[in-house]
């Protein structure tokens, strides 16, 4: 299972609100909901988020279990 916990931790550490991330990346609130529930999002979305927050894709995604 995929986990976006590293992203959530980064947002907390950098004091970035989810609404701010939506504005920074142009992703939809539906996509943010998928991230919050560890559902599939496309690599294009992951790329946009990584570029916006300066994070590599490997650190963005947690380990599979």
C-alpha atoms as a PDB file:
ATOM      1  CA  UNK A   1       0.000   0.000   0.000  1.00  0.00           C
ATOM      2  CA  UNK A   2       1.209   3.470  -0.793  1.00  0.00           C
ATOM      3  CA  UNK A   3       1.502   6.131   1.886  1.00  0.00           C
ATOM      4  CA  UNK A   4       1.795   9.876   1.460  1.00  0.00           C
ATOM      5  CA  UNK A   5       2.882  10.386   5.080  1.00  0.00           C
ATOM      6  CA  UNK A   6       6.222  11.951   4.036  1.00  0.00           C
ATOM      7  CA  UNK A   7       4.289  14.637   2.154  1.00  0.00           C
ATOM      8  CA  UNK A   8       1.999  15.319   5.110  1.00  0.00           C
ATOM      9  CA  UNK A   9       4.983  15.538   7.446  1.00  0.00           C
ATOM     10  CA  UNK A  10       6.725  17.952   5.082  1.00  0.00           C
ATOM     11  CA  UNK A  11       3.661  20.182   4.916  1.00  0.00           C
ATOM     12  CA  UNK A  12       3.518  20.307   8.707  1.00  0.00           C
ATOM     13  CA  UNK A  13       7.270  20.925   9.045  1.00  0.00           C
ATOM     14  CA  UNK A  14       7.154  23.772   6.513  1.00  0.00           C
ATOM     15  CA  UNK A  15       3.856  25.133   7.826  1.00  0.00           C
ATOM     16  CA  UNK A  16       2.208  24.766   4.414  1.00  0.00           C
ATOM     17  CA  UNK A  17      -1.559  24.514   4.564  1.00  0.00           C
ATOM     18  CA  UNK A  18      -3.303  22.109   2.198  1.00  0.00           C
ATOM     19  CA  UNK A  19      -5.141  25.010   0.583  1.00  0.00           C
ATOM     20  CA  UNK A  20      -1.781  26.678  -0.075  1.00  0.00           C
ATOM     21  CA  UNK A  21      -0.531  23.494  -1.728  1.00  0.00           C
ATOM     22  CA  UNK A  22      -3.610  23.447  -3.952  1.00  0.00           C
ATOM     23  CA  UNK A  23      -2.828  27.005  -5.091  1.00  0.00           C
ATOM     24  CA  UNK A  24       0.888  26.283  -5.547  1.00  0.00           C
ATOM     25  CA  UNK A  25       0.267  23.235  -7.727  1.00  0.00           C
ATOM     26  CA  UNK A  26      -3.116  23.773  -9.348  1.00  0.00           C
ATOM     27  CA  UNK A  27      -4.317  20.343  -8.233  1.00  0.00           C
ATOM     28  CA  UNK A  28      -7.980  19.841  -7.368  1.00  0.00           C
ATOM     29  CA  UNK A  29      -9.492  19.371  -3.939  1.00  0.00           C
ATOM     30  CA  UNK A  30     -10.586  15.890  -5.099  1.00  0.00           C
ATOM     31  CA  UNK A  31      -6.940  15.008  -5.702  1.00  0.00           C
ATOM     32  CA  UNK A  32      -6.017  16.337  -2.269  1.00  0.00           C
ATOM     33  CA  UNK A  33      -8.717  14.106  -0.794  1.00  0.00           C
ATOM     34  CA  UNK A  34      -7.102  11.121  -2.533  1.00  0.00           C
ATOM     35  CA  UNK A  35      -3.738  12.070  -1.042  1.00  0.00           C
ATOM     36  CA  UNK A  36      -5.326  12.298   2.410  1.00  0.00           C
ATOM     37  CA  UNK A  37      -6.730   8.769   2.103  1.00  0.00           C
ATOM     38  CA  UNK A  38      -3.647   7.219   0.441  1.00  0.00           C
ATOM     39  CA  UNK A  39      -5.464   6.566  -2.825  1.00  0.00           C
ATOM     40  CA  UNK A  40      -3.854   6.464  -6.260  1.00  0.00           C
ATOM     41  CA  UNK A  41      -2.825   9.756  -7.856  1.00  0.00           C
ATOM     42  CA  UNK A  42      -0.971  10.017 -11.146  1.00  0.00           C
ATOM     43  CA  UNK A  43       2.766  10.541 -11.383  1.00  0.00           C
ATOM     44  CA  UNK A  44       2.042  13.848 -13.097  1.00  0.00           C
ATOM     45  CA  UNK A  45       0.348  15.069  -9.911  1.00  0.00           C
ATOM     46  CA  UNK A  46       3.193  13.776  -7.768  1.00  0.00           C
ATOM     47  CA  UNK A  47       5.645  15.589 -10.060  1.00  0.00           C
ATOM     48  CA  UNK A  48       3.742  18.876  -9.688  1.00  0.00           C
ATOM     49  CA  UNK A  49       3.739  18.597  -5.911  1.00  0.00           C
ATOM     50  CA  UNK A  50       7.416  17.633  -5.748  1.00  0.00           C
ATOM     51  CA  UNK A  51       8.382  20.594  -7.921  1.00  0.00           C
ATOM     52  CA  UNK A  52       6.318  22.970  -5.798  1.00  0.00           C
ATOM     53  CA  UNK A  53       7.796  21.882  -2.463  1.00  0.00           C
ATOM     54  CA  UNK A  54      11.298  20.894  -3.577  1.00  0.00           C
ATOM     55  CA  UNK A  55      10.989  17.227  -2.701  1.00  0.00           C
ATOM     56  CA  UNK A  56      12.149  14.199  -4.672  1.00  0.00           C
ATOM     57  CA  UNK A  57       9.513  11.690  -5.729  1.00  0.00           C
ATOM     58  CA  UNK A  58      11.284   8.945  -3.751  1.00  0.00           C
ATOM     59  CA  UNK A  59      10.934  10.902  -0.514  1.00  0.00           C
ATOM     60  CA  UNK A  60       7.380  11.918  -1.361  1.00  0.00           C
ATOM     61  CA  UNK A  61       6.046   8.384  -1.283  1.00  0.00           C
ATOM     62  CA  UNK A  62       6.350   6.143   1.758  1.00  0.00           C
ATOM     63  CA  UNK A  63       7.263   2.473   1.625  1.00  0.00           C
ATOM     64  CA  UNK A  64       4.928  -0.181   0.384  1.00  0.00           C
ATOM     65  CA  UNK A  65       3.795  -2.690   2.969  1.00  0.00           C
END
